Amino acid sequence: MVAPRFLFVAGTRPATESWFRWPDPLGLRTEQVGPDGSWFGWRLAAANNRELGRSASVFADLDSCRASVARLASSIDSTVPTTTIDDKTGLRAWQLSLDGELVAVSARRYHRQRECLYSLAHFLEAVRIARVTSGTPRYRLLQAEHGLPTYTEDFAGTGGEGR
């Protein structure tokens, strides 16, 4: 049986934007990028490859990103969940904080509160059993405008769009 797994994502910050679309334009996140604008984030994918949640921040290097996954996994029972509602659309989202820091956000928005809470419960359970690949991915930095995804077992490149 395939277990949920953490996938690592890399991209470059678009030169024309002062903020990232990762994890989303509504989230509160920190921007830790490399000197060349490169960044890393993570996604938690279910066994059926559906995205359950993602990092609330981007990181300057893969090691920092992996450390955030380890911190989340080891402290999942200490996280504080909240739900939010976008005043413009009425859509709901969940987010997780740990020691006052936003660490994970929902992968999408929900029309109903019960869908949002169901998604959160699914994410929390998946974190407890998720696999983190130990290998070092091979990657290249992607240009936001023309970058094509690069995939290996535990790595997905997205360019600057945060798709």
N, C-alpha and C. Protein backbone atom coordinates (compact mmCIF):
# COMPACT_ATOMS: atom_id res chain seq x y z
N MET A 1 0.83 -1.17 0.00
CA MET A 1 0.00 0.00 0.00
C MET A 1 0.89 1.25 0.00
N VAL A 2 0.53 2.23 -0.78
CA VAL A 2 1.28 3.48 -0.87
C VAL A 2 0.86 4.39 0.27
N ALA A 3 1.83 4.93 0.98
CA ALA A 3 1.55 5.84 2.09
C ALA A 3 1.57 7.28 1.62
N PRO A 4 0.94 8.18 2.37
CA PRO A 4 1.09 9.59 2.06
C PRO A 4 2.57 9.97 2.11
N ARG A 5 2.95 11.00 1.38
CA ARG A 5 4.36 11.37 1.36
C ARG A 5 4.53 12.86 1.18
N PHE A 6 5.64 13.33 1.71
CA PHE A 6 6.02 14.73 1.55
C PHE A 6 6.80 14.88 0.25
N LEU A 7 6.39 15.82 -0.58
CA LEU A 7 7.06 16.15 -1.82
C LEU A 7 7.70 17.51 -1.66
N PHE A 8 8.90 17.67 -2.17
CA PHE A 8 9.60 18.94 -2.07
C PHE A 8 9.52 19.67 -3.40
N VAL A 9 9.30 20.95 -3.32
CA VAL A 9 9.05 21.80 -4.48
C VAL A 9 10.10 22.90 -4.50
N ALA A 10 10.59 23.23 -5.68
CA ALA A 10 11.57 24.31 -5.82
C ALA A 10 11.12 25.27 -6.90
N GLY A 11 11.56 26.48 -6.78
CA GLY A 11 11.25 27.47 -7.79
C GLY A 11 12.16 28.67 -7.66
N THR A 12 11.93 29.63 -8.52
CA THR A 12 12.65 30.90 -8.42
C THR A 12 11.63 32.01 -8.32
N ARG A 13 11.97 33.00 -7.56
CA ARG A 13 11.10 34.14 -7.36
C ARG A 13 11.05 34.96 -8.65
N PRO A 14 9.86 35.23 -9.14
CA PRO A 14 9.76 36.08 -10.33
C PRO A 14 10.32 37.46 -10.04
N ALA A 15 11.11 37.99 -10.93
CA ALA A 15 11.74 39.28 -10.71
C ALA A 15 10.73 40.40 -10.59
N THR A 16 9.56 40.23 -11.18
CA THR A 16 8.56 41.30 -11.18
C THR A 16 7.64 41.27 -9.97
N GLU A 17 7.77 40.29 -9.11
CA GLU A 17 6.86 40.19 -7.97
C GLU A 17 7.62 40.35 -6.67
N SER A 18 6.98 41.02 -5.71
CA SER A 18 7.61 41.22 -4.42
C SER A 18 7.16 40.17 -3.41
N TRP A 19 6.27 39.27 -3.79
CA TRP A 19 5.84 38.18 -2.92
C TRP A 19 5.59 36.95 -3.77
N PHE A 20 5.46 35.83 -3.10
CA PHE A 20 5.30 34.55 -3.77
C PHE A 20 3.84 34.17 -3.87
N ARG A 21 3.54 33.35 -4.83
CA ARG A 21 2.22 32.74 -4.90
C ARG A 21 2.23 31.41 -4.17
N TRP A 22 3.32 31.11 -3.54
CA TRP A 22 3.39 29.90 -2.73
C TRP A 22 3.34 30.33 -1.29
N PRO A 23 2.56 29.78 -0.43
CA PRO A 23 1.59 28.76 -0.73
C PRO A 23 0.33 29.31 -1.39
N ASP A 24 -0.01 30.56 -1.14
CA ASP A 24 -1.12 31.18 -1.84
C ASP A 24 -1.11 32.68 -1.54
N PRO A 25 -1.81 33.46 -2.32
CA PRO A 25 -1.77 34.90 -2.10
C PRO A 25 -2.49 35.35 -0.83
N LEU A 26 -3.26 34.47 -0.18
CA LEU A 26 -3.98 34.84 1.01
C LEU A 26 -3.24 34.51 2.30
N GLY A 27 -2.24 33.63 2.22
CA GLY A 27 -1.59 33.13 3.42
C GLY A 27 -0.59 34.11 4.02
N LEU A 28 -0.37 33.95 5.30
CA LEU A 28 0.68 34.70 5.99
C LEU A 28 1.91 33.81 5.98
N ARG A 29 2.96 34.25 5.34
CA ARG A 29 4.13 33.40 5.20
C ARG A 29 5.39 34.24 5.25
N THR A 30 6.47 33.58 5.48
CA THR A 30 7.76 34.25 5.47
C THR A 30 8.44 33.92 4.16
N GLU A 31 9.30 34.78 3.74
CA GLU A 31 10.02 34.57 2.49
C GLU A 31 11.51 34.43 2.81
N GLN A 32 11.97 33.21 2.80
CA GLN A 32 13.38 32.93 2.98
C GLN A 32 13.88 32.36 1.66
N VAL A 33 14.59 33.17 0.92
CA VAL A 33 15.03 32.74 -0.40
C VAL A 33 16.54 32.79 -0.49
N GLY A 34 17.07 32.04 -1.45
CA GLY A 34 18.50 32.07 -1.71
C GLY A 34 18.88 33.38 -2.38
N PRO A 35 20.17 33.66 -2.47
CA PRO A 35 20.63 34.91 -3.08
C PRO A 35 20.22 35.06 -4.54
N ASP A 36 19.96 33.94 -5.22
CA ASP A 36 19.54 33.99 -6.62
C ASP A 36 18.02 33.97 -6.77
N GLY A 37 17.29 34.07 -5.65
CA GLY A 37 15.83 34.05 -5.70
C GLY A 37 15.23 32.65 -5.63
N SER A 38 16.07 31.63 -5.48
CA SER A 38 15.54 30.27 -5.42
C SER A 38 14.87 30.02 -4.07
N TRP A 39 13.86 29.15 -4.07
CA TRP A 39 13.14 28.81 -2.86
C TRP A 39 12.71 27.35 -2.89
N PHE A 40 12.38 26.84 -1.70
CA PHE A 40 11.91 25.46 -1.54
C PHE A 40 10.68 25.47 -0.65
N GLY A 41 9.78 24.56 -0.92
CA GLY A 41 8.60 24.35 -0.10
C GLY A 41 8.25 22.87 -0.11
N TRP A 42 7.24 22.50 0.66
CA TRP A 42 6.82 21.10 0.66
C TRP A 42 5.31 21.00 0.47
N ARG A 43 4.91 19.86 -0.04
CA ARG A 43 3.50 19.48 -0.17
C ARG A 43 3.34 18.11 0.46
N LEU A 44 2.19 17.88 1.08
CA LEU A 44 1.87 16.55 1.56
C LEU A 44 0.85 15.96 0.60
N ALA A 45 1.23 14.85 -0.04
CA ALA A 45 0.37 14.19 -1.01
C ALA A 45 -0.19 12.91 -0.42
N ALA A 46 -1.46 12.66 -0.68
CA ALA A 46 -2.12 11.43 -0.24
C ALA A 46 -1.66 10.28 -1.13
N ALA A 47 -2.06 9.07 -0.78
CA ALA A 47 -1.68 7.90 -1.57
C ALA A 47 -2.19 8.00 -3.01
N ASN A 48 -3.28 8.74 -3.22
CA ASN A 48 -3.82 8.89 -4.58
C ASN A 48 -3.24 10.13 -5.29
N ASN A 49 -2.19 10.71 -4.74
CA ASN A 49 -1.46 11.86 -5.28
C ASN A 49 -2.19 13.19 -5.12
N ARG A 50 -3.29 13.24 -4.44
CA ARG A 50 -3.96 14.51 -4.18
C ARG A 50 -3.20 15.27 -3.10
N GLU A 51 -3.08 16.56 -3.32
CA GLU A 51 -2.39 17.40 -2.34
C GLU A 51 -3.31 17.65 -1.15
N LEU A 52 -2.80 17.36 0.06
CA LEU A 52 -3.58 17.53 1.28
C LEU A 52 -3.28 18.86 1.96
N GLY A 53 -2.05 19.33 1.84
CA GLY A 53 -1.64 20.58 2.47
C GLY A 53 -0.24 20.93 2.01
N ARG A 54 0.21 22.12 2.41
CA ARG A 54 1.53 22.57 1.97
C ARG A 54 2.17 23.46 3.02
N SER A 55 3.45 23.69 2.86
CA SER A 55 4.17 24.54 3.80
C SER A 55 3.61 25.96 3.73
N ALA A 56 3.60 26.59 4.88
CA ALA A 56 3.10 27.96 4.95
C ALA A 56 4.17 28.97 4.56
N SER A 57 5.40 28.51 4.46
CA SER A 57 6.52 29.38 4.13
C SER A 57 7.36 28.76 3.03
N VAL A 58 8.18 29.58 2.43
CA VAL A 58 9.21 29.07 1.53
C VAL A 58 10.54 29.20 2.24
N PHE A 59 11.50 28.37 1.82
CA PHE A 59 12.79 28.28 2.49
C PHE A 59 13.91 28.51 1.50
N ALA A 60 15.03 28.99 2.00
CA ALA A 60 16.17 29.31 1.15
C ALA A 60 16.91 28.08 0.65
N ASP A 61 16.78 26.96 1.36
CA ASP A 61 17.49 25.75 0.94
C ASP A 61 16.68 24.51 1.30
N LEU A 62 17.03 23.42 0.67
CA LEU A 62 16.31 22.17 0.86
C LEU A 62 16.45 21.64 2.28
N ASP A 63 17.61 21.81 2.91
CA ASP A 63 17.80 21.33 4.28
C ASP A 63 16.84 22.02 5.25
N SER A 64 16.64 23.32 5.11
CA SER A 64 15.70 24.04 5.97
C SER A 64 14.28 23.56 5.74
N CYS A 65 13.96 23.29 4.49
CA CYS A 65 12.64 22.79 4.15
C CYS A 65 12.41 21.41 4.76
N ARG A 66 13.39 20.53 4.64
CA ARG A 66 13.29 19.20 5.24
C ARG A 66 13.18 19.29 6.76
N ALA A 67 13.90 20.23 7.37
CA ALA A 67 13.83 20.41 8.82
C ALA A 67 12.43 20.84 9.25
N SER A 68 11.76 21.64 8.43
CA SER A 68 10.40 22.05 8.76
C SER A 68 9.43 20.87 8.73
N VAL A 69 9.66 19.95 7.79
CA VAL A 69 8.83 18.73 7.73
C VAL A 69 9.06 17.88 8.98
N ALA A 70 10.32 17.72 9.37
CA ALA A 70 10.64 16.92 10.55
C ALA A 70 10.03 17.54 11.81
N ARG A 71 10.09 18.86 11.90
CA ARG A 71 9.51 19.56 13.05
C ARG A 71 7.99 19.37 13.09
N LEU A 72 7.35 19.50 11.95
CA LEU A 72 5.90 19.31 11.90
C LEU A 72 5.53 17.88 12.29
N ALA A 73 6.22 16.91 11.71
CA ALA A 73 5.89 15.50 11.98
C ALA A 73 6.10 15.14 13.45
N SER A 74 7.15 15.65 14.06
CA SER A 74 7.43 15.30 15.45
C SER A 74 6.56 16.07 16.44
N SER A 75 5.93 17.14 15.99
CA SER A 75 5.12 17.98 16.89
C SER A 75 3.67 18.10 16.45
N ILE A 76 3.20 17.18 15.63
CA ILE A 76 1.86 17.31 15.05
C ILE A 76 0.78 17.41 16.13
N ASP A 77 0.97 16.74 17.26
CA ASP A 77 -0.04 16.79 18.32
C ASP A 77 -0.03 18.12 19.08
N SER A 78 0.98 18.93 18.87
CA SER A 78 1.08 20.25 19.53
C SER A 78 0.63 21.39 18.63
N THR A 79 0.24 21.07 17.41
CA THR A 79 -0.16 22.14 16.49
C THR A 79 -1.54 22.69 16.87
N VAL A 80 -1.76 23.93 16.48
CA VAL A 80 -3.03 24.59 16.76
C VAL A 80 -3.71 24.88 15.42
N PRO A 81 -4.84 24.20 15.15
CA PRO A 81 -5.55 24.44 13.88
C PRO A 81 -6.51 25.62 14.00
N THR A 82 -6.66 26.34 12.91
CA THR A 82 -7.67 27.39 12.80
C THR A 82 -8.25 27.33 11.40
N THR A 83 -9.44 27.85 11.26
CA THR A 83 -10.02 27.98 9.94
C THR A 83 -10.25 29.46 9.66
N THR A 84 -10.18 29.81 8.40
CA THR A 84 -10.37 31.19 7.98
C THR A 84 -11.44 31.24 6.90
N ILE A 85 -12.02 32.40 6.74
CA ILE A 85 -13.00 32.63 5.68
C ILE A 85 -12.56 33.86 4.90
N ASP A 86 -12.48 33.72 3.60
CA ASP A 86 -12.16 34.85 2.73
C ASP A 86 -13.42 35.71 2.60
N ASP A 87 -13.34 36.95 3.06
CA ASP A 87 -14.50 37.84 3.03
C ASP A 87 -15.03 38.08 1.62
N LYS A 88 -14.17 38.06 0.63
CA LYS A 88 -14.60 38.34 -0.75
C LYS A 88 -15.32 37.16 -1.39
N THR A 89 -14.82 35.95 -1.14
CA THR A 89 -15.37 34.78 -1.82
C THR A 89 -16.25 33.90 -0.93
N GLY A 90 -16.08 34.03 0.38
CA GLY A 90 -16.80 33.17 1.31
C GLY A 90 -16.20 31.78 1.42
N LEU A 91 -15.06 31.55 0.78
CA LEU A 91 -14.41 30.25 0.83
C LEU A 91 -13.61 30.10 2.11
N ARG A 92 -13.53 28.86 2.59
CA ARG A 92 -12.84 28.56 3.84
C ARG A 92 -11.52 27.85 3.58
N ALA A 93 -10.61 27.99 4.54
CA ALA A 93 -9.33 27.31 4.49
C ALA A 93 -8.92 26.97 5.91
N TRP A 94 -8.04 26.02 6.06
CA TRP A 94 -7.48 25.72 7.38
C TRP A 94 -6.00 26.07 7.38
N GLN A 95 -5.47 26.28 8.56
CA GLN A 95 -4.04 26.49 8.74
C GLN A 95 -3.62 25.95 10.09
N LEU A 96 -2.35 25.57 10.19
CA LEU A 96 -1.80 25.01 11.43
C LEU A 96 -0.67 25.89 11.92
N SER A 97 -0.67 26.15 13.21
CA SER A 97 0.42 26.90 13.85
C SER A 97 1.11 26.00 14.85
N LEU A 98 2.38 26.27 15.05
CA LEU A 98 3.18 25.55 16.03
C LEU A 98 4.03 26.59 16.76
N ASP A 99 3.86 26.69 18.06
CA ASP A 99 4.56 27.69 18.86
C ASP A 99 4.36 29.10 18.30
N GLY A 100 3.14 29.38 17.86
CA GLY A 100 2.81 30.71 17.35
C GLY A 100 3.24 30.99 15.92
N GLU A 101 3.86 30.03 15.26
CA GLU A 101 4.33 30.19 13.88
C GLU A 101 3.44 29.39 12.94
N LEU A 102 2.99 30.01 11.87
CA LEU A 102 2.19 29.32 10.87
C LEU A 102 3.09 28.33 10.13
N VAL A 103 2.73 27.02 10.14
CA VAL A 103 3.60 26.00 9.55
C VAL A 103 2.99 25.26 8.37
N ALA A 104 1.67 25.20 8.28
CA ALA A 104 1.02 24.48 7.18
C ALA A 104 -0.31 25.14 6.86
N VAL A 105 -0.69 25.04 5.58
CA VAL A 105 -1.97 25.60 5.12
C VAL A 105 -2.65 24.59 4.21
N SER A 106 -3.94 24.75 4.07
CA SER A 106 -4.70 23.85 3.20
C SER A 106 -4.27 24.06 1.75
N ALA A 107 -4.43 23.01 0.98
CA ALA A 107 -4.03 23.04 -0.43
C ALA A 107 -5.06 23.76 -1.29
N ARG A 108 -6.27 23.89 -0.79
CA ARG A 108 -7.32 24.53 -1.58
C ARG A 108 -8.31 25.20 -0.65
N ARG A 109 -9.32 25.82 -1.21
CA ARG A 109 -10.37 26.49 -0.46
C ARG A 109 -11.64 25.64 -0.53
N TYR A 110 -12.50 25.78 0.48
CA TYR A 110 -13.68 24.95 0.60
C TYR A 110 -14.94 25.81 0.72
N HIS A 111 -16.01 25.33 0.13
CA HIS A 111 -17.29 26.05 0.21
C HIS A 111 -17.96 25.85 1.56
N ARG A 112 -17.76 24.69 2.16
CA ARG A 112 -18.44 24.38 3.42
C ARG A 112 -17.43 24.13 4.55
N GLN A 113 -17.82 24.54 5.74
CA GLN A 113 -16.96 24.36 6.91
C GLN A 113 -16.68 22.88 7.16
N ARG A 114 -17.68 22.02 6.98
CA ARG A 114 -17.46 20.60 7.24
C ARG A 114 -16.44 20.00 6.27
N GLU A 115 -16.41 20.48 5.01
CA GLU A 115 -15.39 20.02 4.06
C GLU A 115 -14.00 20.46 4.52
N CYS A 116 -13.93 21.69 5.00
CA CYS A 116 -12.65 22.23 5.47
C CYS A 116 -12.14 21.42 6.66
N LEU A 117 -13.02 21.14 7.62
CA LEU A 117 -12.62 20.38 8.81
C LEU A 117 -12.28 18.93 8.46
N TYR A 118 -12.99 18.35 7.52
CA TYR A 118 -12.69 16.99 7.06
C TYR A 118 -11.28 16.96 6.44
N SER A 119 -11.00 17.95 5.61
CA SER A 119 -9.68 18.04 4.98
C SER A 119 -8.57 18.19 6.02
N LEU A 120 -8.81 19.02 7.01
CA LEU A 120 -7.83 19.20 8.08
C LEU A 120 -7.58 17.89 8.82
N ALA A 121 -8.64 17.19 9.17
CA ALA A 121 -8.48 15.90 9.87
C ALA A 121 -7.70 14.91 9.02
N HIS A 122 -7.97 14.88 7.73
CA HIS A 122 -7.26 13.99 6.81
C HIS A 122 -5.77 14.36 6.77
N PHE A 123 -5.46 15.66 6.71
CA PHE A 123 -4.07 16.12 6.71
C PHE A 123 -3.37 15.70 8.00
N LEU A 124 -3.99 15.94 9.15
CA LEU A 124 -3.36 15.60 10.43
C LEU A 124 -3.04 14.11 10.52
N GLU A 125 -3.97 13.28 10.08
CA GLU A 125 -3.72 11.84 10.11
C GLU A 125 -2.62 11.45 9.13
N ALA A 126 -2.61 12.06 7.97
CA ALA A 126 -1.59 11.74 6.96
C ALA A 126 -0.19 12.12 7.43
N VAL A 127 -0.06 13.25 8.13
CA VAL A 127 1.26 13.66 8.63
C VAL A 127 1.83 12.58 9.54
N ARG A 128 0.98 11.96 10.33
CA ARG A 128 1.42 10.94 11.29
C ARG A 128 2.02 9.71 10.62
N ILE A 129 1.59 9.41 9.39
CA ILE A 129 2.07 8.18 8.72
C ILE A 129 2.84 8.46 7.43
N ALA A 130 3.03 9.73 7.11
CA ALA A 130 3.66 10.08 5.83
C ALA A 130 5.12 9.67 5.78
N ARG A 131 5.55 9.38 4.58
CA ARG A 131 6.93 9.01 4.29
C ARG A 131 7.68 10.26 3.83
N VAL A 132 8.88 10.40 4.31
CA VAL A 132 9.78 11.45 3.83
C VAL A 132 10.96 10.77 3.19
N THR A 133 11.13 10.96 1.90
CA THR A 133 12.23 10.33 1.19
C THR A 133 13.54 10.89 1.68
N SER A 134 14.50 10.01 1.92
CA SER A 134 15.78 10.46 2.47
C SER A 134 16.80 10.84 1.40
N GLY A 135 16.57 10.44 0.16
CA GLY A 135 17.52 10.76 -0.90
C GLY A 135 17.57 12.24 -1.20
N THR A 136 18.70 12.67 -1.74
CA THR A 136 18.85 14.06 -2.15
C THR A 136 18.39 14.19 -3.59
N PRO A 137 17.41 15.04 -3.85
CA PRO A 137 16.92 15.16 -5.22
C PRO A 137 17.91 15.88 -6.11
N ARG A 138 17.90 15.53 -7.37
CA ARG A 138 18.64 16.29 -8.37
C ARG A 138 17.69 17.33 -8.91
N TYR A 139 18.16 18.54 -9.07
CA TYR A 139 17.27 19.58 -9.56
C TYR A 139 18.06 20.66 -10.25
N ARG A 140 17.32 21.48 -10.95
CA ARG A 140 17.91 22.68 -11.52
C ARG A 140 16.97 23.82 -11.17
N LEU A 141 17.51 25.00 -11.05
CA LEU A 141 16.67 26.16 -10.77
C LEU A 141 15.84 26.46 -11.99
N LEU A 142 14.61 26.82 -11.77
CA LEU A 142 13.69 27.03 -12.86
C LEU A 142 13.39 28.52 -13.01
N GLN A 143 13.30 28.97 -14.22
CA GLN A 143 12.88 30.34 -14.49
C GLN A 143 11.36 30.37 -14.45
N ALA A 144 10.81 31.36 -13.81
CA ALA A 144 9.36 31.44 -13.64
C ALA A 144 8.64 31.47 -14.98
N GLU A 145 9.19 32.16 -15.95
CA GLU A 145 8.49 32.32 -17.22
C GLU A 145 8.58 31.10 -18.12
N HIS A 146 9.74 30.42 -18.17
CA HIS A 146 9.86 29.31 -19.11
C HIS A 146 10.23 27.99 -18.46
N GLY A 147 10.22 27.91 -17.15
CA GLY A 147 10.66 26.68 -16.50
C GLY A 147 9.70 25.53 -16.72
N LEU A 148 10.24 24.39 -17.01
CA LEU A 148 9.46 23.17 -17.11
C LEU A 148 9.66 22.37 -15.85
N PRO A 149 8.64 21.69 -15.36
CA PRO A 149 8.78 20.91 -14.14
C PRO A 149 9.86 19.85 -14.26
N THR A 150 10.57 19.65 -13.17
CA THR A 150 11.54 18.58 -13.05
C THR A 150 11.05 17.67 -11.94
N TYR A 151 10.85 16.39 -12.21
CA TYR A 151 10.31 15.49 -11.22
C TYR A 151 11.30 14.38 -10.92
N THR A 152 11.45 14.06 -9.65
CA THR A 152 12.08 12.82 -9.21
C THR A 152 11.14 12.26 -8.16
N GLU A 153 11.53 11.23 -7.48
CA GLU A 153 10.62 10.58 -6.55
C GLU A 153 10.08 11.52 -5.48
N ASP A 154 10.92 12.42 -4.95
CA ASP A 154 10.47 13.26 -3.85
C ASP A 154 10.56 14.74 -4.16
N PHE A 155 10.56 15.11 -5.43
CA PHE A 155 10.82 16.50 -5.77
C PHE A 155 10.01 16.91 -6.98
N ALA A 156 9.35 18.03 -6.88
CA ALA A 156 8.59 18.56 -8.02
C ALA A 156 8.94 20.02 -8.20
N GLY A 157 9.39 20.41 -9.36
CA GLY A 157 9.70 21.81 -9.62
C GLY A 157 8.50 22.52 -10.17
N THR A 158 8.29 23.76 -9.74
CA THR A 158 7.10 24.48 -10.19
C THR A 158 7.40 25.81 -10.83
N GLY A 159 8.63 26.25 -10.85
CA GLY A 159 8.89 27.60 -11.32
C GLY A 159 8.36 28.58 -10.29
N GLY A 160 8.18 29.82 -10.65
CA GLY A 160 7.76 30.84 -9.70
C GLY A 160 6.26 30.92 -9.50
N GLU A 161 5.49 30.17 -10.24
CA GLU A 161 4.05 30.31 -10.16
C GLU A 161 3.40 29.61 -8.98
N GLY A 162 4.09 28.67 -8.33
CA GLY A 162 3.52 27.96 -7.20
C GLY A 162 2.28 27.15 -7.57
N ARG A 163 2.33 26.55 -8.75
CA ARG A 163 1.17 25.79 -9.24
C ARG A 163 0.92 24.56 -8.43
